[in-house]
Amino acid sequence: MNWKVVGNIVGFILVIVVGLFIFGDSFQKQLTSVMNQIDQVDEIVVDGKTVFEGEQAKPYVEKNPVSFIMELSKKERKQFVNAPLHEIEYRIDGKKLYDVHILQWDGDESEWQQWIAQNHLDDTVIRTYSFMKEGQPLIIYWPKNRYILWADTEATERLFEQLNG
């Protein structure tokens, strides 16, 4: 009987390890694919509508879409407005390379500062890799993998200026 329990435990651990290996490898492939192909993006779709194609899309594609990533737990995700402000899809020859959601903070400035401190984020990092709309912080969120993409935001800010301009 003890061998059966031990066998079940070892089997369970093996399934978890293999699952983590497969998930980690899959995520790494996705991230590498995005980084290697970002300069080939030729279409930007915002909220389901193509807004830029061909060479017109180039100025609105981040050259470095990921400087580092941070997982956003379900609890932390609730601190942002439920519906994304925008959904942006980056495509190459009509096929989706990746998509992101622009999330808006749902609290006040002191709660934002507290969240930054809790996640050990440097204020310089926040100013560099996030941006503001009407005084509310916005972040770039990769919903497929539940990560915040801390990255350059200049091209994304230009995209919003064009959409709202």
Protein backbone atom coordinates (compact mmCIF):
# COMPACT_ATOMS: atom_id res chain seq x y z
CA MET A 1 0.00 0.00 0.00
CA ASN A 2 2.80 2.42 0.84
CA TRP A 3 4.42 1.78 -2.55
CA LYS A 4 1.17 2.69 -4.26
CA VAL A 5 1.03 6.04 -2.40
CA VAL A 6 4.70 6.73 -3.13
CA GLY A 7 4.16 5.84 -6.79
CA ASN A 8 1.19 8.22 -7.00
CA ILE A 9 3.18 11.02 -5.40
CA VAL A 10 6.16 10.48 -7.72
CA GLY A 11 3.81 10.34 -10.73
CA PHE A 12 2.09 13.55 -9.64
CA ILE A 13 5.42 15.35 -9.22
CA LEU A 14 6.58 14.10 -12.61
CA VAL A 15 3.41 15.44 -14.29
CA ILE A 16 3.93 18.84 -12.66
CA VAL A 17 7.60 19.01 -13.69
CA VAL A 18 6.84 18.00 -17.29
CA GLY A 19 3.96 20.51 -17.43
CA LEU A 20 6.18 23.32 -16.17
CA PHE A 21 8.89 22.37 -18.66
CA ILE A 22 6.45 22.36 -21.57
CA PHE A 23 4.79 25.63 -20.49
CA GLY A 24 8.13 27.34 -19.87
CA ASP A 25 9.49 26.18 -23.20
CA SER A 26 6.32 27.28 -25.01
CA PHE A 27 6.43 30.73 -23.40
CA GLN A 28 10.11 31.11 -24.24
CA LYS A 29 9.37 30.25 -27.89
CA GLN A 30 6.55 32.82 -28.00
CA LEU A 31 8.75 35.51 -26.50
CA THR A 32 11.63 34.72 -28.84
CA SER A 33 9.27 34.76 -31.82
CA VAL A 34 7.96 38.21 -30.88
CA MET A 35 11.44 39.61 -30.35
CA ASN A 36 12.81 38.15 -33.60
CA GLN A 37 9.88 39.18 -35.81
CA ILE A 38 8.79 42.53 -34.37
CA ASP A 39 10.45 44.47 -37.20
CA GLN A 40 8.33 42.57 -39.74
CA VAL A 41 4.97 43.78 -38.36
CA ASP A 42 2.97 45.26 -41.23
CA GLU A 43 -0.48 45.67 -39.71
CA ILE A 44 -1.82 47.07 -36.46
CA VAL A 45 -5.36 46.27 -35.37
CA VAL A 46 -6.88 48.26 -32.51
CA ASP A 47 -10.13 47.08 -30.94
CA GLY A 48 -10.81 44.80 -33.92
CA LYS A 49 -10.22 47.44 -36.59
CA THR A 50 -7.13 47.72 -38.79
CA VAL A 51 -5.71 51.19 -38.21
CA PHE A 52 -2.34 50.99 -39.95
CA GLU A 53 -0.96 48.77 -42.70
CA GLY A 54 2.34 48.37 -44.50
CA GLU A 55 4.94 51.07 -43.97
CA GLN A 56 2.39 53.26 -42.18
CA ALA A 57 2.42 50.75 -39.29
CA LYS A 58 6.19 50.93 -38.69
CA PRO A 59 6.27 54.11 -36.54
CA TYR A 60 3.68 52.60 -34.18
CA VAL A 61 5.47 49.32 -33.48
CA GLU A 62 7.71 49.20 -30.42
CA LYS A 63 11.30 48.44 -31.43
CA ASN A 64 11.82 46.77 -28.06
CA PRO A 65 8.43 45.42 -26.95
CA VAL A 66 9.86 43.64 -23.90
CA SER A 67 12.57 44.95 -21.62
CA PHE A 68 11.43 42.70 -18.82
CA ILE A 69 8.22 40.99 -17.82
CA MET A 70 6.25 40.68 -14.63
CA GLU A 71 3.47 38.21 -13.99
CA LEU A 72 0.17 39.82 -13.03
CA SER A 73 -1.80 37.61 -10.66
CA LYS A 74 -5.59 37.45 -10.79
CA LYS A 75 -5.72 39.49 -7.57
CA GLU A 76 -3.42 42.16 -9.03
CA ARG A 77 -5.36 42.21 -12.30
CA LYS A 78 -8.43 43.31 -10.30
CA GLN A 79 -6.60 46.52 -9.38
CA PHE A 80 -6.93 47.63 -13.01
CA VAL A 81 -10.13 48.60 -14.81
CA ASN A 82 -11.88 45.36 -15.77
CA ALA A 83 -12.24 46.01 -19.50
CA PRO A 84 -9.03 46.89 -21.34
CA LEU A 85 -8.82 50.47 -22.54
CA HIS A 86 -7.68 49.08 -25.91
CA GLU A 87 -6.79 45.74 -27.44
CA ILE A 88 -3.92 45.94 -29.91
CA GLU A 89 -2.95 43.16 -32.29
CA TYR A 90 0.32 43.17 -34.21
CA ARG A 91 0.23 41.17 -37.46
CA ILE A 92 2.62 39.99 -40.12
CA ASP A 93 1.08 39.17 -43.51
CA GLY A 94 -2.36 38.94 -41.91
CA LYS A 95 -1.29 36.53 -39.15
CA LYS A 96 -1.23 37.60 -35.52
CA LEU A 97 2.27 37.82 -34.05
CA TYR A 98 0.97 38.83 -30.64
CA ASP A 99 -1.66 40.98 -28.99
CA VAL A 100 -1.70 43.18 -25.93
CA HIS A 101 -4.25 44.90 -23.77
CA ILE A 102 -3.78 48.41 -22.49
CA LEU A 103 -4.89 48.37 -18.87
CA GLN A 104 -5.76 51.43 -16.84
CA TRP A 105 -5.15 51.62 -13.10
CA ASP A 106 -8.42 51.65 -11.17
CA GLY A 107 -7.23 53.37 -8.01
CA ASP A 108 -5.75 56.64 -6.91
CA GLU A 109 -2.15 57.84 -7.02
CA SER A 110 -1.31 56.63 -3.49
CA GLU A 111 -2.60 53.11 -4.29
CA TRP A 112 -0.50 53.12 -7.49
CA GLN A 113 2.59 54.12 -5.52
CA GLN A 114 1.83 51.42 -2.97
CA TRP A 115 1.49 48.80 -5.72
CA ILE A 116 4.82 49.91 -7.20
CA ALA A 117 6.49 49.54 -3.80
CA GLN A 118 4.90 46.13 -3.12
CA ASN A 119 6.27 44.84 -6.42
CA HIS A 120 9.73 46.30 -5.77
CA LEU A 121 9.55 48.44 -8.89
CA ASP A 122 11.81 51.43 -9.22
CA ASP A 123 10.05 54.74 -9.94
CA THR A 124 12.40 55.30 -12.89
CA VAL A 125 11.31 51.95 -14.36
CA ILE A 126 7.66 52.92 -13.97
CA ARG A 127 8.16 56.31 -15.66
CA THR A 128 10.11 54.67 -18.49
CA TYR A 129 7.89 51.66 -19.13
CA SER A 130 4.36 52.86 -18.41
CA PHE A 131 2.45 55.93 -19.53
CA MET A 132 -0.44 58.09 -18.42
CA LYS A 133 -3.86 59.01 -19.77
CA GLU A 134 -5.77 61.75 -17.99
CA GLY A 135 -3.64 61.24 -14.90
CA GLN A 136 -4.23 57.48 -14.73
CA PRO A 137 -1.34 55.05 -15.27
CA LEU A 138 -1.58 52.65 -18.21
CA ILE A 139 0.36 49.44 -18.66
CA ILE A 140 0.85 47.03 -21.56
CA TYR A 141 -0.50 43.61 -20.63
CA TRP A 142 0.06 40.37 -22.55
CA PRO A 143 -3.22 38.55 -21.77
CA LYS A 144 -2.22 35.23 -23.29
CA ASN A 145 0.52 34.77 -20.71
CA ARG A 146 -0.76 37.14 -17.98
CA TYR A 147 2.38 39.27 -18.00
CA ILE A 148 2.97 42.98 -17.92
CA LEU A 149 5.35 43.84 -20.74
CA TRP A 150 7.60 46.49 -19.29
CA ALA A 151 8.93 47.96 -22.49
CA ASP A 152 9.47 51.15 -24.40
CA THR A 153 6.11 52.88 -24.78
CA GLU A 154 6.93 55.68 -27.21
CA ALA A 155 5.41 53.98 -30.26
CA THR A 156 2.31 52.96 -28.31
CA GLU A 157 1.87 56.53 -27.06
CA ARG A 158 2.18 57.81 -30.66
CA LEU A 159 -0.45 55.26 -31.69
CA PHE A 160 -2.88 56.62 -29.08
CA GLU A 161 -2.16 60.20 -30.14
CA GLN A 162 -3.11 59.27 -33.71
CA LEU A 163 -6.26 57.45 -32.60
CA ASN A 164 -7.39 60.31 -30.35
CA GLY A 165 -5.96 63.12 -32.46
